[in-house]
Amino acid sequence: MSDNQLLSTIIVAAITSGGTFLATRIKSKSDVEASKTTVESVYVAEMRKIIEDYQKEREALKAEKEKLQALVEKVQKINRELEEDNRILKQENRDLREEIQVLKGGK
């Protein structure tokens, strides 16, 4: 081989190698970006599902809280009524004791 042929072969090999290297590198970067995009889309989908589940749970808890609040108000009303009944009965008890004292004193 002559020097010119050797030089031409080396130049062609270098250009081919460089082209292959650049093509591989570009393909690799593209694959990495595609992989990142896939991971990001999976992450976003999972986060949306978590948020959706949280919102459903929050609504269920809100409904349960409202039911419990209504029950508390009902119990408080019953308690107020019983306290009033108790007050009335205590007053009747005092009145009856006074009446008994009067009747005993009258004998």
N, C-alpha and C. Protein backbone atom coordinates (compact mmCIF):
# COMPACT_ATOMS: atom_id res chain seq x y z
N MET A 1 0.84 -1.17 0.00
CA MET A 1 0.00 0.00 0.00
C MET A 1 0.88 1.23 0.00
N SER A 2 0.42 2.19 -0.74
CA SER A 2 1.19 3.43 -0.78
C SER A 2 0.77 4.32 0.36
N ASP A 3 1.55 5.34 0.57
CA ASP A 3 1.25 6.27 1.67
C ASP A 3 -0.09 6.96 1.48
N ASN A 4 -0.42 7.27 0.25
CA ASN A 4 -1.71 7.95 -0.03
C ASN A 4 -2.87 7.02 0.27
N GLN A 5 -2.74 5.75 -0.12
CA GLN A 5 -3.81 4.79 0.14
C GLN A 5 -3.97 4.56 1.64
N LEU A 6 -2.83 4.46 2.32
CA LEU A 6 -2.87 4.26 3.76
C LEU A 6 -3.52 5.45 4.44
N LEU A 7 -3.13 6.64 4.02
CA LEU A 7 -3.71 7.86 4.57
C LEU A 7 -5.20 7.93 4.28
N SER A 8 -5.61 7.57 3.07
CA SER A 8 -7.03 7.58 2.70
C SER A 8 -7.80 6.57 3.54
N THR A 9 -7.22 5.39 3.74
CA THR A 9 -7.87 4.36 4.54
C THR A 9 -8.03 4.82 5.98
N ILE A 10 -7.00 5.44 6.50
CA ILE A 10 -7.05 5.93 7.88
C ILE A 10 -8.11 7.03 8.01
N ILE A 11 -8.16 7.93 7.05
CA ILE A 11 -9.15 9.03 7.09
C ILE A 11 -10.56 8.47 7.00
N VAL A 12 -10.78 7.53 6.09
CA VAL A 12 -12.12 6.92 5.93
C VAL A 12 -12.49 6.18 7.23
N ALA A 13 -11.54 5.44 7.79
CA ALA A 13 -11.81 4.70 9.04
C ALA A 13 -12.11 5.67 10.18
N ALA A 14 -11.37 6.77 10.25
CA ALA A 14 -11.58 7.76 11.30
C ALA A 14 -12.96 8.41 11.15
N ILE A 15 -13.31 8.75 9.93
CA ILE A 15 -14.63 9.38 9.69
C ILE A 15 -15.74 8.39 10.02
N THR A 16 -15.59 7.15 9.60
CA THR A 16 -16.59 6.13 9.88
C THR A 16 -16.71 5.90 11.39
N SER A 17 -15.57 5.79 12.06
CA SER A 17 -15.58 5.60 13.52
C SER A 17 -16.23 6.79 14.22
N GLY A 18 -15.84 7.98 13.81
CA GLY A 18 -16.42 9.19 14.40
C GLY A 18 -17.91 9.27 14.18
N GLY A 19 -18.33 8.94 12.96
CA GLY A 19 -19.77 8.96 12.65
C GLY A 19 -20.53 7.95 13.49
N THR A 20 -19.96 6.74 13.60
CA THR A 20 -20.59 5.69 14.41
C THR A 20 -20.65 6.11 15.88
N PHE A 21 -19.53 6.70 16.36
CA PHE A 21 -19.49 7.16 17.74
C PHE A 21 -20.56 8.22 18.00
N LEU A 22 -20.65 9.21 17.10
CA LEU A 22 -21.64 10.28 17.28
C LEU A 22 -23.07 9.74 17.19
N ALA A 23 -23.30 8.84 16.24
CA ALA A 23 -24.64 8.27 16.08
C ALA A 23 -25.03 7.48 17.33
N THR A 24 -24.07 6.71 17.84
CA THR A 24 -24.34 5.93 19.05
C THR A 24 -24.61 6.84 20.23
N ARG A 25 -23.84 7.89 20.34
CA ARG A 25 -24.01 8.83 21.44
C ARG A 25 -25.36 9.55 21.38
N ILE A 26 -25.73 9.97 20.18
CA ILE A 26 -27.03 10.63 19.99
C ILE A 26 -28.15 9.66 20.32
N LYS A 27 -28.03 8.41 19.84
CA LYS A 27 -29.04 7.39 20.13
C LYS A 27 -29.11 7.14 21.64
N SER A 28 -27.96 7.07 22.29
CA SER A 28 -27.92 6.85 23.73
C SER A 28 -28.61 7.98 24.48
N LYS A 29 -28.31 9.22 24.10
CA LYS A 29 -28.97 10.38 24.73
C LYS A 29 -30.47 10.33 24.51
N SER A 30 -30.86 9.95 23.30
CA SER A 30 -32.29 9.85 22.98
C SER A 30 -32.95 8.79 23.85
N ASP A 31 -32.27 7.63 24.02
CA ASP A 31 -32.81 6.56 24.86
C ASP A 31 -32.92 7.02 26.32
N VAL A 32 -31.92 7.75 26.80
CA VAL A 32 -31.95 8.26 28.17
C VAL A 32 -33.10 9.24 28.34
N GLU A 33 -33.28 10.13 27.39
CA GLU A 33 -34.39 11.09 27.47
C GLU A 33 -35.74 10.37 27.42
N ALA A 34 -35.84 9.35 26.56
CA ALA A 34 -37.09 8.59 26.49
C ALA A 34 -37.34 7.87 27.81
N SER A 35 -36.29 7.33 28.39
CA SER A 35 -36.41 6.65 29.66
C SER A 35 -36.83 7.63 30.75
N LYS A 36 -36.23 8.82 30.77
CA LYS A 36 -36.61 9.84 31.75
C LYS A 36 -38.07 10.22 31.59
N THR A 37 -38.49 10.38 30.34
CA THR A 37 -39.88 10.75 30.06
C THR A 37 -40.82 9.65 30.56
N THR A 38 -40.46 8.40 30.33
CA THR A 38 -41.29 7.29 30.79
C THR A 38 -41.36 7.27 32.32
N VAL A 39 -40.22 7.43 32.96
CA VAL A 39 -40.19 7.44 34.42
C VAL A 39 -41.02 8.61 34.95
N GLU A 40 -40.87 9.78 34.33
CA GLU A 40 -41.62 10.95 34.77
C GLU A 40 -43.11 10.75 34.58
N SER A 41 -43.51 10.15 33.45
CA SER A 41 -44.95 9.95 33.22
C SER A 41 -45.52 8.94 34.20
N VAL A 42 -44.74 7.90 34.54
CA VAL A 42 -45.19 6.94 35.54
C VAL A 42 -45.31 7.62 36.90
N TYR A 43 -44.33 8.44 37.24
CA TYR A 43 -44.33 9.17 38.51
C TYR A 43 -45.55 10.10 38.59
N VAL A 44 -45.80 10.83 37.51
CA VAL A 44 -46.94 11.75 37.48
C VAL A 44 -48.25 10.98 37.61
N ALA A 45 -48.35 9.85 36.92
CA ALA A 45 -49.58 9.05 37.01
C ALA A 45 -49.78 8.54 38.44
N GLU A 46 -48.71 8.08 39.07
CA GLU A 46 -48.81 7.60 40.45
C GLU A 46 -49.20 8.73 41.40
N MET A 47 -48.61 9.90 41.22
CA MET A 47 -48.94 11.03 42.07
C MET A 47 -50.40 11.43 41.89
N ARG A 48 -50.90 11.42 40.67
CA ARG A 48 -52.30 11.74 40.42
C ARG A 48 -53.22 10.74 41.11
N LYS A 49 -52.85 9.46 41.05
CA LYS A 49 -53.65 8.42 41.72
C LYS A 49 -53.64 8.64 43.23
N ILE A 50 -52.48 8.95 43.79
CA ILE A 50 -52.38 9.20 45.23
C ILE A 50 -53.26 10.39 45.62
N ILE A 51 -53.20 11.46 44.83
CA ILE A 51 -54.01 12.65 45.12
C ILE A 51 -55.49 12.33 45.00
N GLU A 52 -55.87 11.57 43.98
CA GLU A 52 -57.27 11.19 43.79
C GLU A 52 -57.76 10.34 44.97
N ASP A 53 -56.94 9.37 45.40
CA ASP A 53 -57.31 8.54 46.55
C ASP A 53 -57.43 9.39 47.81
N TYR A 54 -56.51 10.33 47.99
CA TYR A 54 -56.55 11.22 49.15
C TYR A 54 -57.84 12.04 49.15
N GLN A 55 -58.21 12.56 47.98
CA GLN A 55 -59.43 13.38 47.90
C GLN A 55 -60.67 12.54 48.20
N LYS A 56 -60.70 11.29 47.73
CA LYS A 56 -61.84 10.41 48.04
C LYS A 56 -61.91 10.14 49.53
N GLU A 57 -60.76 9.85 50.13
CA GLU A 57 -60.71 9.59 51.58
C GLU A 57 -61.14 10.83 52.36
N ARG A 58 -60.70 11.98 51.90
CA ARG A 58 -61.05 13.24 52.55
C ARG A 58 -62.56 13.48 52.51
N GLU A 59 -63.18 13.23 51.37
CA GLU A 59 -64.63 13.39 51.24
C GLU A 59 -65.37 12.40 52.14
N ALA A 60 -64.88 11.17 52.20
CA ALA A 60 -65.52 10.17 53.06
C ALA A 60 -65.42 10.59 54.53
N LEU A 61 -64.25 11.09 54.92
CA LEU A 61 -64.07 11.54 56.30
C LEU A 61 -64.94 12.76 56.60
N LYS A 62 -65.09 13.63 55.62
CA LYS A 62 -65.92 14.81 55.79
C LYS A 62 -67.38 14.40 56.02
N ALA A 63 -67.85 13.43 55.24
CA ALA A 63 -69.22 12.94 55.41
C ALA A 63 -69.40 12.28 56.77
N GLU A 64 -68.41 11.49 57.19
CA GLU A 64 -68.48 10.84 58.49
C GLU A 64 -68.46 11.87 59.62
N LYS A 65 -67.66 12.91 59.45
CA LYS A 65 -67.61 13.98 60.46
C LYS A 65 -68.98 14.66 60.59
N GLU A 66 -69.63 14.91 59.46
CA GLU A 66 -70.95 15.55 59.50
C GLU A 66 -71.97 14.66 60.22
N LYS A 67 -71.91 13.35 59.97
CA LYS A 67 -72.82 12.42 60.66
C LYS A 67 -72.55 12.43 62.16
N LEU A 68 -71.28 12.38 62.52
CA LEU A 68 -70.92 12.39 63.94
C LEU A 68 -71.32 13.70 64.61
N GLN A 69 -71.17 14.81 63.89
CA GLN A 69 -71.55 16.11 64.44
C GLN A 69 -73.06 16.15 64.70
N ALA A 70 -73.83 15.59 63.77
CA ALA A 70 -75.29 15.54 63.96
C ALA A 70 -75.63 14.68 65.17
N LEU A 71 -74.93 13.56 65.34
CA LEU A 71 -75.16 12.70 66.49
C LEU A 71 -74.80 13.41 67.79
N VAL A 72 -73.70 14.15 67.81
CA VAL A 72 -73.29 14.91 69.00
C VAL A 72 -74.36 15.93 69.36
N GLU A 73 -74.87 16.64 68.35
CA GLU A 73 -75.91 17.64 68.61
C GLU A 73 -77.17 17.00 69.17
N LYS A 74 -77.51 15.81 68.66
CA LYS A 74 -78.69 15.10 69.16
C LYS A 74 -78.48 14.70 70.62
N VAL A 75 -77.30 14.16 70.93
CA VAL A 75 -77.00 13.75 72.30
C VAL A 75 -77.00 14.96 73.23
N GLN A 76 -76.45 16.09 72.77
CA GLN A 76 -76.44 17.31 73.59
C GLN A 76 -77.87 17.78 73.87
N LYS A 77 -78.75 17.68 72.89
CA LYS A 77 -80.14 18.08 73.09
C LYS A 77 -80.81 17.19 74.13
N ILE A 78 -80.59 15.88 73.99
CA ILE A 78 -81.15 14.94 74.97
C ILE A 78 -80.61 15.24 76.36
N ASN A 79 -79.32 15.54 76.45
CA ASN A 79 -78.70 15.85 77.74
C ASN A 79 -79.33 17.11 78.35
N ARG A 80 -79.55 18.13 77.54
CA ARG A 80 -80.19 19.35 78.06
C ARG A 80 -81.59 19.05 78.58
N GLU A 81 -82.34 18.23 77.84
CA GLU A 81 -83.68 17.87 78.27
C GLU A 81 -83.64 17.09 79.59
N LEU A 82 -82.70 16.15 79.70
CA LEU A 82 -82.58 15.37 80.94
C LEU A 82 -82.15 16.26 82.10
N GLU A 83 -81.28 17.20 81.84
CA GLU A 83 -80.88 18.13 82.91
C GLU A 83 -82.07 18.96 83.38
N GLU A 84 -82.91 19.37 82.46
CA GLU A 84 -84.10 20.14 82.83
C GLU A 84 -85.08 19.26 83.62
N ASP A 85 -85.26 18.02 83.16
CA ASP A 85 -86.12 17.09 83.91
C ASP A 85 -85.57 16.88 85.32
N ASN A 86 -84.27 16.72 85.43
CA ASN A 86 -83.63 16.52 86.73
C ASN A 86 -83.84 17.75 87.62
N ARG A 87 -83.72 18.94 87.06
CA ARG A 87 -83.93 20.17 87.83
C ARG A 87 -85.37 20.22 88.35
N ILE A 88 -86.30 19.88 87.49
CA ILE A 88 -87.72 19.89 87.88
C ILE A 88 -87.98 18.86 89.00
N LEU A 89 -87.41 17.66 88.83
CA LEU A 89 -87.60 16.62 89.85
C LEU A 89 -86.97 17.01 91.18
N LYS A 90 -85.83 17.65 91.14
CA LYS A 90 -85.21 18.11 92.39
C LYS A 90 -86.09 19.15 93.07
N GLN A 91 -86.66 20.04 92.29
CA GLN A 91 -87.55 21.05 92.86
C GLN A 91 -88.79 20.39 93.46
N GLU A 92 -89.36 19.42 92.74
CA GLU A 92 -90.52 18.70 93.28
C GLU A 92 -90.14 17.98 94.57
N ASN A 93 -88.95 17.39 94.60
CA ASN A 93 -88.47 16.69 95.80
C ASN A 93 -88.38 17.66 96.98
N ARG A 94 -87.82 18.85 96.75
CA ARG A 94 -87.73 19.86 97.82
C ARG A 94 -89.13 20.26 98.28
N ASP A 95 -90.02 20.48 97.32
CA ASP A 95 -91.39 20.88 97.67
C ASP A 95 -92.08 19.79 98.50
N LEU A 96 -91.88 18.53 98.10
CA LEU A 96 -92.51 17.43 98.84
C LEU A 96 -91.92 17.29 100.24
N ARG A 97 -90.62 17.50 100.39
CA ARG A 97 -90.01 17.45 101.73
C ARG A 97 -90.59 18.56 102.61
N GLU A 98 -90.75 19.73 102.02
CA GLU A 98 -91.34 20.83 102.80
C GLU A 98 -92.77 20.48 103.21
N GLU A 99 -93.51 19.89 102.29
CA GLU A 99 -94.89 19.52 102.58
C GLU A 99 -94.94 18.46 103.68
N ILE A 100 -94.02 17.49 103.61
CA ILE A 100 -93.95 16.46 104.66
C ILE A 100 -93.64 17.11 106.00
N GLN A 101 -92.71 18.05 106.02
CA GLN A 101 -92.36 18.74 107.28
C GLN A 101 -93.58 19.47 107.82
N VAL A 102 -94.32 20.11 106.95
CA VAL A 102 -95.52 20.82 107.39
C VAL A 102 -96.53 19.85 107.96
N LEU A 103 -96.71 18.72 107.25
CA LEU A 103 -97.68 17.73 107.71
C LEU A 103 -97.25 17.10 109.04
N LYS A 104 -95.96 16.83 109.18
CA LYS A 104 -95.46 16.27 110.43
C LYS A 104 -95.61 17.29 111.56
N GLY A 105 -95.33 18.52 111.26
CA GLY A 105 -95.44 19.55 112.27
C GLY A 105 -96.91 19.83 112.63
N GLY A 106 -97.79 19.52 111.75
CA GLY A 106 -99.20 19.77 111.98
C GLY A 106 -99.82 18.71 112.87
N LYS A 107 -99.22 17.56 113.06
CA LYS A 107 -99.78 16.49 113.87
C LYS A 107 -99.53 16.68 115.30
